[in-house]
Amino acid sequence: MKMKAGAASIGLVVLLGLAACSGNALAPSSARSDGSPAAPSFSQFSDIPIPAKARMDVDQSLLLGHGESWVGRLVYTTGGGTGPIYDLYKSDMPGFGWQEITSVRASISIQTWQRADRIATVQIRDTTFGVETIITVAPAIGAGTGGGGGGSYATPPAPAAAPQPSVSRQPLR
């Protein structure tokens, strides 16, 4: 019995130690110093526009890194319609240094942007709770291959093409 209690104590200490070491600069704090819950903050996103009164969905967001080198998925909801959010990104992303790659305006609108060695995809759709916006930012394929210390994201070489069988044609009768 003492053995099990000792192992459980060691496991708890290790778990708490790992939790303390895994601080994420972008993870919102769940409580303020006075003990009340803290609202998620968008202040850490200095490289993308965020509309006023946006509400971050902390459960659906996955954010890694910090400053203007973060990657991951940011999910938030706002009131109103999809049109103003679509227009916000269309007009404001270039001011943050992003270049448009492509965009589709539809019931689920998607915009794709590039800034240096990062790609951002903005997905906008109506939901029961308002307009949901999902921003996914990731390194561009081939980014970091210059030996500059950031790891390699290069595309692996394509396998050799298999020989294609010849195609015969027959007229329809």
N, C-alpha and C. Protein backbone atom coordinates (compact mmCIF):
# COMPACT_ATOMS: atom_id res chain seq x y z
N MET A 1 0.82 -1.19 0.00
CA MET A 1 0.00 0.00 0.00
C MET A 1 0.86 1.25 0.00
N LYS A 2 1.96 1.22 0.80
CA LYS A 2 2.86 2.38 0.85
C LYS A 2 3.52 2.59 -0.51
N MET A 3 3.78 1.50 -1.21
CA MET A 3 4.42 1.57 -2.52
C MET A 3 3.52 2.30 -3.51
N LYS A 4 2.22 1.99 -3.51
CA LYS A 4 1.28 2.63 -4.42
C LYS A 4 1.14 4.11 -4.10
N ALA A 5 1.09 4.46 -2.82
CA ALA A 5 0.96 5.86 -2.42
C ALA A 5 2.21 6.63 -2.82
N GLY A 6 3.38 6.02 -2.66
CA GLY A 6 4.63 6.68 -3.05
C GLY A 6 4.69 6.90 -4.55
N ALA A 7 4.27 5.92 -5.33
CA ALA A 7 4.27 6.05 -6.80
C ALA A 7 3.28 7.12 -7.23
N ALA A 8 2.12 7.17 -6.57
CA ALA A 8 1.13 8.19 -6.91
C ALA A 8 1.66 9.58 -6.58
N SER A 9 2.37 9.72 -5.47
CA SER A 9 2.94 11.02 -5.09
C SER A 9 3.97 11.47 -6.11
N ILE A 10 4.83 10.53 -6.51
CA ILE A 10 5.85 10.86 -7.51
C ILE A 10 5.19 11.26 -8.82
N GLY A 11 4.15 10.51 -9.23
CA GLY A 11 3.44 10.84 -10.46
C GLY A 11 2.82 12.22 -10.40
N LEU A 12 2.25 12.58 -9.26
CA LEU A 12 1.64 13.90 -9.09
C LEU A 12 2.68 15.00 -9.17
N VAL A 13 3.83 14.80 -8.54
CA VAL A 13 4.91 15.79 -8.59
C VAL A 13 5.41 15.97 -10.02
N VAL A 14 5.58 14.89 -10.74
CA VAL A 14 6.03 14.97 -12.13
C VAL A 14 4.99 15.70 -12.98
N LEU A 15 3.73 15.37 -12.79
CA LEU A 15 2.66 16.01 -13.56
C LEU A 15 2.62 17.51 -13.28
N LEU A 16 2.71 17.90 -12.02
CA LEU A 16 2.71 19.33 -11.67
C LEU A 16 3.94 20.03 -12.22
N GLY A 17 5.08 19.34 -12.19
CA GLY A 17 6.31 19.92 -12.75
C GLY A 17 6.20 20.15 -14.24
N LEU A 18 5.63 19.19 -14.94
CA LEU A 18 5.44 19.35 -16.39
C LEU A 18 4.47 20.48 -16.69
N ALA A 19 3.42 20.57 -15.92
CA ALA A 19 2.44 21.64 -16.14
C ALA A 19 3.08 23.00 -15.92
N ALA A 20 3.96 23.12 -14.94
CA ALA A 20 4.63 24.39 -14.67
C ALA A 20 5.60 24.76 -15.78
N CYS A 21 6.23 23.76 -16.39
CA CYS A 21 7.21 24.02 -17.44
C CYS A 21 6.59 24.26 -18.80
N SER A 22 5.33 23.93 -18.97
CA SER A 22 4.73 24.01 -20.30
C SER A 22 4.00 25.33 -20.52
N GLY A 23 4.49 26.39 -19.91
CA GLY A 23 3.83 27.69 -20.07
C GLY A 23 3.74 28.08 -21.52
N ASN A 24 2.57 28.49 -21.97
CA ASN A 24 2.34 28.91 -23.34
C ASN A 24 2.03 30.40 -23.32
N ALA A 25 2.86 31.20 -23.96
CA ALA A 25 2.68 32.65 -23.93
C ALA A 25 1.35 33.08 -24.53
N LEU A 26 0.75 32.25 -25.37
CA LEU A 26 -0.49 32.64 -26.01
C LEU A 26 -1.73 32.09 -25.32
N ALA A 27 -1.57 31.18 -24.39
CA ALA A 27 -2.74 30.61 -23.73
C ALA A 27 -3.30 31.63 -22.75
N PRO A 28 -4.59 31.96 -22.88
CA PRO A 28 -5.16 32.93 -21.96
C PRO A 28 -5.22 32.37 -20.55
N SER A 29 -5.01 33.25 -19.59
CA SER A 29 -5.09 32.86 -18.20
C SER A 29 -6.54 32.57 -17.85
N SER A 30 -6.78 31.55 -17.03
CA SER A 30 -8.15 31.22 -16.67
C SER A 30 -8.64 32.02 -15.48
N ALA A 31 -7.74 32.74 -14.78
CA ALA A 31 -8.19 33.53 -13.64
C ALA A 31 -7.30 34.75 -13.47
N ARG A 32 -7.89 35.83 -12.95
CA ARG A 32 -7.15 37.05 -12.64
C ARG A 32 -6.54 36.90 -11.26
N SER A 33 -5.73 37.86 -10.85
CA SER A 33 -5.09 37.80 -9.54
C SER A 33 -6.12 37.83 -8.41
N ASP A 34 -7.30 38.41 -8.65
CA ASP A 34 -8.33 38.44 -7.61
C ASP A 34 -9.17 37.17 -7.61
N GLY A 35 -8.85 36.17 -8.48
CA GLY A 35 -9.57 34.91 -8.50
C GLY A 35 -10.73 34.86 -9.49
N SER A 36 -11.13 36.01 -10.05
CA SER A 36 -12.24 36.01 -11.01
C SER A 36 -11.74 35.55 -12.37
N PRO A 37 -12.61 34.92 -13.19
CA PRO A 37 -12.16 34.42 -14.50
C PRO A 37 -11.74 35.57 -15.41
N ALA A 38 -10.66 35.35 -16.14
CA ALA A 38 -10.16 36.35 -17.08
C ALA A 38 -10.73 36.07 -18.46
N ALA A 39 -11.09 37.14 -19.16
CA ALA A 39 -11.56 36.99 -20.53
C ALA A 39 -10.35 36.79 -21.44
N PRO A 40 -10.45 35.92 -22.45
CA PRO A 40 -9.34 35.74 -23.37
C PRO A 40 -9.00 37.08 -24.04
N SER A 41 -7.72 37.28 -24.28
CA SER A 41 -7.27 38.54 -24.84
C SER A 41 -6.74 38.35 -26.26
N PHE A 42 -7.08 39.29 -27.12
CA PHE A 42 -6.57 39.26 -28.49
C PHE A 42 -5.32 40.12 -28.64
N SER A 43 -4.85 40.71 -27.55
CA SER A 43 -3.73 41.65 -27.62
C SER A 43 -2.45 40.99 -28.13
N GLN A 44 -2.33 39.66 -28.02
CA GLN A 44 -1.12 38.98 -28.48
C GLN A 44 -1.05 38.85 -30.00
N PHE A 45 -2.14 39.20 -30.71
CA PHE A 45 -2.15 39.07 -32.17
C PHE A 45 -1.92 40.44 -32.79
N SER A 46 -0.66 40.75 -33.03
CA SER A 46 -0.33 42.06 -33.60
C SER A 46 -0.19 42.01 -35.11
N ASP A 47 -0.35 40.82 -35.70
CA ASP A 47 -0.12 40.68 -37.14
C ASP A 47 -1.38 40.39 -37.93
N ILE A 48 -2.56 40.39 -37.28
CA ILE A 48 -3.83 40.18 -37.97
C ILE A 48 -4.89 41.10 -37.36
N PRO A 49 -5.87 41.51 -38.16
CA PRO A 49 -6.95 42.32 -37.59
C PRO A 49 -7.95 41.44 -36.82
N ILE A 50 -8.44 41.96 -35.72
CA ILE A 50 -9.46 41.29 -34.92
C ILE A 50 -10.59 42.30 -34.74
N PRO A 51 -11.82 41.95 -35.09
CA PRO A 51 -12.93 42.91 -34.96
C PRO A 51 -13.27 43.20 -33.49
N ALA A 52 -13.80 44.38 -33.26
CA ALA A 52 -14.25 44.75 -31.92
C ALA A 52 -15.35 43.78 -31.49
N LYS A 53 -15.45 43.51 -30.22
CA LYS A 53 -16.47 42.65 -29.61
C LYS A 53 -16.38 41.18 -30.04
N ALA A 54 -15.22 40.77 -30.55
CA ALA A 54 -15.04 39.35 -30.87
C ALA A 54 -14.89 38.57 -29.57
N ARG A 55 -15.40 37.34 -29.57
CA ARG A 55 -15.31 36.46 -28.40
C ARG A 55 -14.50 35.22 -28.80
N MET A 56 -13.33 35.06 -28.19
CA MET A 56 -12.46 33.93 -28.53
C MET A 56 -13.06 32.63 -28.02
N ASP A 57 -13.03 31.60 -28.86
CA ASP A 57 -13.43 30.26 -28.47
C ASP A 57 -12.16 29.53 -28.04
N VAL A 58 -11.89 29.56 -26.75
CA VAL A 58 -10.66 28.99 -26.22
C VAL A 58 -10.61 27.48 -26.43
N ASP A 59 -11.76 26.81 -26.36
CA ASP A 59 -11.78 25.36 -26.54
C ASP A 59 -11.41 24.94 -27.95
N GLN A 60 -11.72 25.74 -28.95
CA GLN A 60 -11.43 25.39 -30.35
C GLN A 60 -10.12 25.98 -30.86
N SER A 61 -9.55 26.93 -30.14
CA SER A 61 -8.31 27.58 -30.56
C SER A 61 -7.11 26.76 -30.09
N LEU A 62 -6.08 26.71 -30.93
CA LEU A 62 -4.83 26.02 -30.61
C LEU A 62 -3.71 26.92 -31.08
N LEU A 63 -3.02 27.54 -30.15
CA LEU A 63 -2.05 28.57 -30.49
C LEU A 63 -0.67 28.20 -29.97
N LEU A 64 0.34 28.27 -30.84
CA LEU A 64 1.70 27.94 -30.48
C LEU A 64 2.61 29.10 -30.87
N GLY A 65 3.57 29.41 -30.05
CA GLY A 65 4.49 30.49 -30.33
C GLY A 65 3.99 31.80 -29.76
N HIS A 66 4.59 32.90 -30.21
CA HIS A 66 4.20 34.20 -29.68
C HIS A 66 4.54 35.30 -30.68
N GLY A 67 4.05 36.49 -30.39
CA GLY A 67 4.34 37.65 -31.23
C GLY A 67 3.87 37.43 -32.66
N GLU A 68 4.70 37.81 -33.59
CA GLU A 68 4.35 37.69 -35.00
C GLU A 68 4.86 36.39 -35.61
N SER A 69 5.21 35.43 -34.78
CA SER A 69 5.64 34.13 -35.29
C SER A 69 4.75 33.00 -34.79
N TRP A 70 3.57 33.34 -34.28
CA TRP A 70 2.65 32.31 -33.79
C TRP A 70 2.13 31.48 -34.96
N VAL A 71 1.78 30.27 -34.66
CA VAL A 71 1.13 29.38 -35.63
C VAL A 71 -0.01 28.68 -34.90
N GLY A 72 -0.94 28.17 -35.64
CA GLY A 72 -2.04 27.43 -35.04
C GLY A 72 -3.38 27.89 -35.57
N ARG A 73 -4.40 27.72 -34.71
CA ARG A 73 -5.77 28.03 -35.11
C ARG A 73 -6.39 28.94 -34.05
N LEU A 74 -6.89 30.07 -34.50
CA LEU A 74 -7.62 31.02 -33.66
C LEU A 74 -9.07 31.00 -34.10
N VAL A 75 -9.99 30.75 -33.16
CA VAL A 75 -11.41 30.70 -33.46
C VAL A 75 -12.10 31.74 -32.60
N TYR A 76 -12.95 32.57 -33.24
CA TYR A 76 -13.73 33.53 -32.48
C TYR A 76 -15.09 33.73 -33.14
N THR A 77 -16.03 34.27 -32.37
CA THR A 77 -17.35 34.59 -32.90
C THR A 77 -17.63 36.06 -32.69
N THR A 78 -18.48 36.60 -33.55
CA THR A 78 -18.92 37.98 -33.48
C THR A 78 -20.39 38.02 -33.84
N GLY A 79 -21.01 39.15 -33.58
CA GLY A 79 -22.39 39.35 -34.00
C GLY A 79 -22.41 39.83 -35.44
N GLY A 80 -23.59 40.13 -35.94
CA GLY A 80 -23.72 40.65 -37.30
C GLY A 80 -23.69 39.56 -38.34
N GLY A 81 -23.33 39.94 -39.56
CA GLY A 81 -23.29 38.99 -40.67
C GLY A 81 -21.88 38.71 -41.12
N THR A 82 -21.76 37.78 -42.07
CA THR A 82 -20.45 37.40 -42.58
C THR A 82 -19.83 38.47 -43.47
N GLY A 83 -20.68 39.27 -44.13
CA GLY A 83 -20.17 40.28 -45.05
C GLY A 83 -19.18 41.26 -44.44
N PRO A 84 -19.51 41.89 -43.30
CA PRO A 84 -18.56 42.82 -42.69
C PRO A 84 -17.25 42.17 -42.27
N ILE A 85 -17.29 40.92 -41.80
CA ILE A 85 -16.05 40.24 -41.40
C ILE A 85 -15.21 39.93 -42.64
N TYR A 86 -15.86 39.44 -43.69
CA TYR A 86 -15.15 39.17 -44.94
C TYR A 86 -14.47 40.45 -45.44
N ASP A 87 -15.23 41.55 -45.45
CA ASP A 87 -14.69 42.83 -45.93
C ASP A 87 -13.56 43.34 -45.04
N LEU A 88 -13.66 43.11 -43.73
CA LEU A 88 -12.60 43.53 -42.80
C LEU A 88 -11.28 42.89 -43.19
N TYR A 89 -11.28 41.58 -43.39
CA TYR A 89 -10.03 40.90 -43.74
C TYR A 89 -9.55 41.28 -45.13
N LYS A 90 -10.47 41.41 -46.05
CA LYS A 90 -10.11 41.79 -47.43
C LYS A 90 -9.42 43.15 -47.46
N SER A 91 -9.91 44.09 -46.64
CA SER A 91 -9.34 45.44 -46.67
C SER A 91 -8.17 45.64 -45.71
N ASP A 92 -8.15 44.93 -44.56
CA ASP A 92 -7.14 45.21 -43.55
C ASP A 92 -5.92 44.31 -43.57
N MET A 93 -6.01 43.11 -44.10
CA MET A 93 -4.85 42.21 -44.11
C MET A 93 -3.64 42.81 -44.84
N PRO A 94 -3.82 43.49 -45.99
CA PRO A 94 -2.65 44.09 -46.63
C PRO A 94 -1.94 45.11 -45.73
N GLY A 95 -2.68 45.82 -44.89
CA GLY A 95 -2.07 46.76 -43.97
C GLY A 95 -1.21 46.10 -42.90
N PHE A 96 -1.41 44.81 -42.68
CA PHE A 96 -0.60 44.05 -41.74
C PHE A 96 0.53 43.31 -42.46
N GLY A 97 0.71 43.60 -43.76
CA GLY A 97 1.80 43.00 -44.52
C GLY A 97 1.46 41.69 -45.22
N TRP A 98 0.19 41.30 -45.26
CA TRP A 98 -0.21 40.06 -45.91
C TRP A 98 -0.55 40.31 -47.36
N GLN A 99 -0.21 39.36 -48.23
CA GLN A 99 -0.57 39.40 -49.65
C GLN A 99 -1.62 38.34 -49.91
N GLU A 100 -2.67 38.72 -50.62
CA GLU A 100 -3.74 37.77 -50.90
C GLU A 100 -3.29 36.75 -51.93
N ILE A 101 -3.59 35.50 -51.65
CA ILE A 101 -3.33 34.41 -52.59
C ILE A 101 -4.61 34.09 -53.34
N THR A 102 -5.70 33.87 -52.59
CA THR A 102 -6.98 33.56 -53.21
C THR A 102 -8.10 33.82 -52.21
N SER A 103 -9.31 33.96 -52.73
CA SER A 103 -10.47 34.12 -51.86
C SER A 103 -11.73 33.64 -52.56
N VAL A 104 -12.66 33.15 -51.74
CA VAL A 104 -13.96 32.70 -52.23
C VAL A 104 -15.00 33.25 -51.26
N ARG A 105 -15.97 33.98 -51.82
CA ARG A 105 -17.06 34.52 -51.00
C ARG A 105 -18.28 33.65 -51.24
N ALA A 106 -18.72 32.94 -50.19
CA ALA A 106 -19.83 32.00 -50.30
C ALA A 106 -20.45 31.82 -48.92
N SER A 107 -21.30 30.79 -48.76
CA SER A 107 -21.89 30.56 -47.45
C SER A 107 -20.80 30.26 -46.41
N ILE A 108 -19.75 29.60 -46.83
CA ILE A 108 -18.52 29.50 -46.02
C ILE A 108 -17.44 30.17 -46.85
N SER A 109 -17.06 31.38 -46.46
CA SER A 109 -16.07 32.14 -47.21
C SER A 109 -14.67 31.80 -46.73
N ILE A 110 -13.73 31.79 -47.67
CA ILE A 110 -12.35 31.46 -47.35
C ILE A 110 -11.42 32.45 -48.05
N GLN A 111 -10.48 32.96 -47.29
CA GLN A 111 -9.43 33.82 -47.85
C GLN A 111 -8.09 33.20 -47.46
N THR A 112 -7.13 33.23 -48.37
CA THR A 112 -5.80 32.72 -48.10
C THR A 112 -4.80 33.84 -48.35
N TRP A 113 -3.90 34.02 -47.38
CA TRP A 113 -2.94 35.12 -47.40
C TRP A 113 -1.54 34.59 -47.13
N GLN A 114 -0.52 35.32 -47.62
CA GLN A 114 0.86 34.98 -47.34
C GLN A 114 1.59 36.20 -46.83
N ARG A 115 2.41 35.98 -45.82
CA ARG A 115 3.27 37.03 -45.26
C ARG A 115 4.60 36.38 -44.95
N ALA A 116 5.63 36.77 -45.66
CA ALA A 116 6.96 36.18 -45.52
C ALA A 116 6.84 34.67 -45.67
N ASP A 117 7.22 33.91 -44.64
CA ASP A 117 7.20 32.44 -44.75
C ASP A 117 6.02 31.82 -44.02
N ARG A 118 4.93 32.59 -43.88
CA ARG A 118 3.72 32.08 -43.21
C ARG A 118 2.51 32.23 -44.12
N ILE A 119 1.59 31.27 -44.00
CA ILE A 119 0.33 31.29 -44.74
C ILE A 119 -0.80 31.40 -43.73
N ALA A 120 -1.77 32.26 -44.01
CA ALA A 120 -2.95 32.40 -43.15
C ALA A 120 -4.19 32.08 -43.98
N THR A 121 -5.04 31.24 -43.43
CA THR A 121 -6.33 30.94 -44.04
C THR A 121 -7.41 31.46 -43.11
N VAL A 122 -8.31 32.28 -43.65
CA VAL A 122 -9.40 32.86 -42.88
C VAL A 122 -10.69 32.24 -43.39
N GLN A 123 -11.41 31.54 -42.52
CA GLN A 123 -12.68 30.91 -42.88
C GLN A 123 -13.78 31.60 -42.09
N ILE A 124 -14.83 32.03 -42.78
CA ILE A 124 -15.90 32.80 -42.15
C ILE A 124 -17.23 32.13 -42.49
N ARG A 125 -18.05 31.89 -41.45
CA ARG A 125 -19.36 31.26 -41.69
C ARG A 125 -20.35 31.68 -40.61
N ASP A 126 -21.63 31.66 -40.98
CA ASP A 126 -22.71 31.91 -40.03
C ASP A 126 -22.94 30.67 -39.19
N THR A 127 -23.19 30.87 -37.91
CA THR A 127 -23.57 29.78 -37.01
C THR A 127 -24.77 30.23 -36.20
N THR A 128 -25.27 29.35 -35.39
CA THR A 128 -26.39 29.67 -34.50
C THR A 128 -26.02 30.77 -33.52
N PHE A 129 -24.75 30.87 -33.16
CA PHE A 129 -24.29 31.81 -32.15
C PHE A 129 -23.69 33.08 -32.72
N GLY A 130 -23.78 33.29 -34.02
CA GLY A 130 -23.20 34.47 -34.67
C GLY A 130 -22.30 34.05 -35.81
N VAL A 131 -21.37 34.91 -36.13
CA VAL A 131 -20.42 34.63 -37.20
C VAL A 131 -19.17 34.00 -36.58
N GLU A 132 -18.81 32.80 -37.06
CA GLU A 132 -17.61 32.13 -36.60
C GLU A 132 -16.48 32.39 -37.60
N THR A 133 -15.34 32.81 -37.08
CA THR A 133 -14.16 33.02 -37.91
C THR A 133 -13.06 32.11 -37.39
N ILE A 134 -12.47 31.35 -38.30
CA ILE A 134 -11.36 30.46 -37.97
C ILE A 134 -10.15 30.93 -38.76
N ILE A 135 -9.12 31.33 -38.06
CA ILE A 135 -7.87 31.77 -38.70
C ILE A 135 -6.82 30.72 -38.40
N THR A 136 -6.29 30.12 -39.46
CA THR A 136 -5.24 29.11 -39.32
C THR A 136 -3.97 29.68 -39.93
N VAL A 137 -2.90 29.69 -39.15
CA VAL A 137 -1.62 30.21 -39.62
C VAL A 137 -0.59 29.10 -39.48
N ALA A 138 0.18 28.87 -40.56
CA ALA A 138 1.19 27.82 -40.57
C ALA A 138 2.36 28.25 -41.45
N PRO A 139 3.51 27.62 -41.27
CA PRO A 139 4.64 27.93 -42.14
C PRO A 139 4.33 27.52 -43.58
N ALA A 140 4.81 28.32 -44.52
CA ALA A 140 4.66 27.98 -45.93
C ALA A 140 5.53 26.77 -46.24
N ILE A 141 5.11 25.96 -47.18
CA ILE A 141 5.93 24.81 -47.59
C ILE A 141 7.24 25.35 -48.13
N GLY A 142 8.33 24.77 -47.66
CA GLY A 142 9.65 25.23 -48.07
C GLY A 142 10.22 26.30 -47.17
N ALA A 143 9.42 26.83 -46.21
CA ALA A 143 9.91 27.86 -45.30
C ALA A 143 10.93 27.24 -44.36
N GLY A 144 11.93 28.00 -44.01
CA GLY A 144 12.91 27.53 -43.05
C GLY A 144 13.98 26.64 -43.66
N THR A 145 14.06 26.52 -44.97
CA THR A 145 15.05 25.63 -45.58
C THR A 145 16.38 26.32 -45.83
N GLY A 146 16.47 27.61 -45.49
CA GLY A 146 17.71 28.33 -45.74
C GLY A 146 18.77 28.09 -44.69
N GLY A 147 18.54 27.16 -43.75
CA GLY A 147 19.54 26.88 -42.73
C GLY A 147 19.52 27.91 -41.62
N GLY A 148 18.48 28.72 -41.53
CA GLY A 148 18.41 29.78 -40.54
C GLY A 148 17.93 29.32 -39.19
N GLY A 149 17.96 28.05 -38.87
CA GLY A 149 17.68 27.59 -37.54
C GLY A 149 16.23 27.27 -37.26
N GLY A 150 15.31 27.55 -38.13
CA GLY A 150 13.91 27.36 -37.83
C GLY A 150 13.37 25.98 -38.13
N GLY A 151 14.19 25.04 -38.46
CA GLY A 151 13.67 23.72 -38.82
C GLY A 151 13.31 23.69 -40.29
N SER A 152 13.15 22.53 -40.81
CA SER A 152 12.89 22.40 -42.23
C SER A 152 11.44 21.99 -42.49
N TYR A 153 10.81 22.70 -43.38
CA TYR A 153 9.45 22.40 -43.78
C TYR A 153 9.40 22.04 -45.26
N ALA A 154 10.53 21.61 -45.80
CA ALA A 154 10.61 21.35 -47.23
C ALA A 154 9.73 20.16 -47.63
N THR A 155 9.22 20.22 -48.83
CA THR A 155 8.42 19.13 -49.37
C THR A 155 9.35 17.98 -49.73
N PRO A 156 9.03 16.75 -49.32
CA PRO A 156 9.88 15.63 -49.69
C PRO A 156 9.84 15.41 -51.19
N PRO A 157 10.89 14.81 -51.74
CA PRO A 157 10.90 14.57 -53.19
C PRO A 157 9.76 13.65 -53.59
N ALA A 158 9.21 13.90 -54.76
CA ALA A 158 8.10 13.09 -55.28
C ALA A 158 8.63 11.72 -55.69
N PRO A 159 7.85 10.68 -55.46
CA PRO A 159 8.29 9.35 -55.89
C PRO A 159 8.32 9.29 -57.42
N ALA A 160 9.12 8.37 -57.93
CA ALA A 160 9.21 8.21 -59.38
C ALA A 160 7.84 7.82 -59.93
N ALA A 161 7.49 8.42 -61.03
CA ALA A 161 6.17 8.17 -61.64
C ALA A 161 6.12 6.74 -62.19
N ALA A 162 5.02 6.08 -61.90
CA ALA A 162 4.81 4.73 -62.42
C ALA A 162 4.43 4.83 -63.89
N PRO A 163 4.82 3.87 -64.71
CA PRO A 163 4.45 3.92 -66.12
C PRO A 163 2.93 3.85 -66.27
N GLN A 164 2.40 4.67 -67.14
CA GLN A 164 0.96 4.73 -67.38
C GLN A 164 0.58 3.73 -68.47
N PRO A 165 -0.48 2.96 -68.25
CA PRO A 165 -0.90 2.03 -69.30
C PRO A 165 -1.45 2.82 -70.49
N SER A 166 -1.30 2.23 -71.66
CA SER A 166 -1.83 2.91 -72.83
C SER A 166 -3.36 2.87 -72.79
N VAL A 167 -3.97 3.85 -73.35
CA VAL A 167 -5.42 3.97 -73.33
C VAL A 167 -5.93 3.69 -74.74
N SER A 168 -6.88 2.79 -74.83
CA SER A 168 -7.46 2.54 -76.14
C SER A 168 -8.80 3.24 -76.23
N ARG A 169 -9.18 3.64 -77.40
CA ARG A 169 -10.42 4.37 -77.61
C ARG A 169 -11.37 3.56 -78.47
N GLN A 170 -12.61 3.58 -78.12
CA GLN A 170 -13.62 2.94 -78.93
C GLN A 170 -14.79 3.91 -79.08
N PRO A 171 -15.35 3.97 -80.27
CA PRO A 171 -16.50 4.86 -80.44
C PRO A 171 -17.72 4.28 -79.73
N LEU A 172 -18.55 5.15 -79.21
CA LEU A 172 -19.80 4.71 -78.59
C LEU A 172 -20.78 4.32 -79.69
N ARG A 173 -21.59 3.31 -79.49
CA ARG A 173 -22.53 2.87 -80.52
C ARG A 173 -23.91 3.26 -80.18
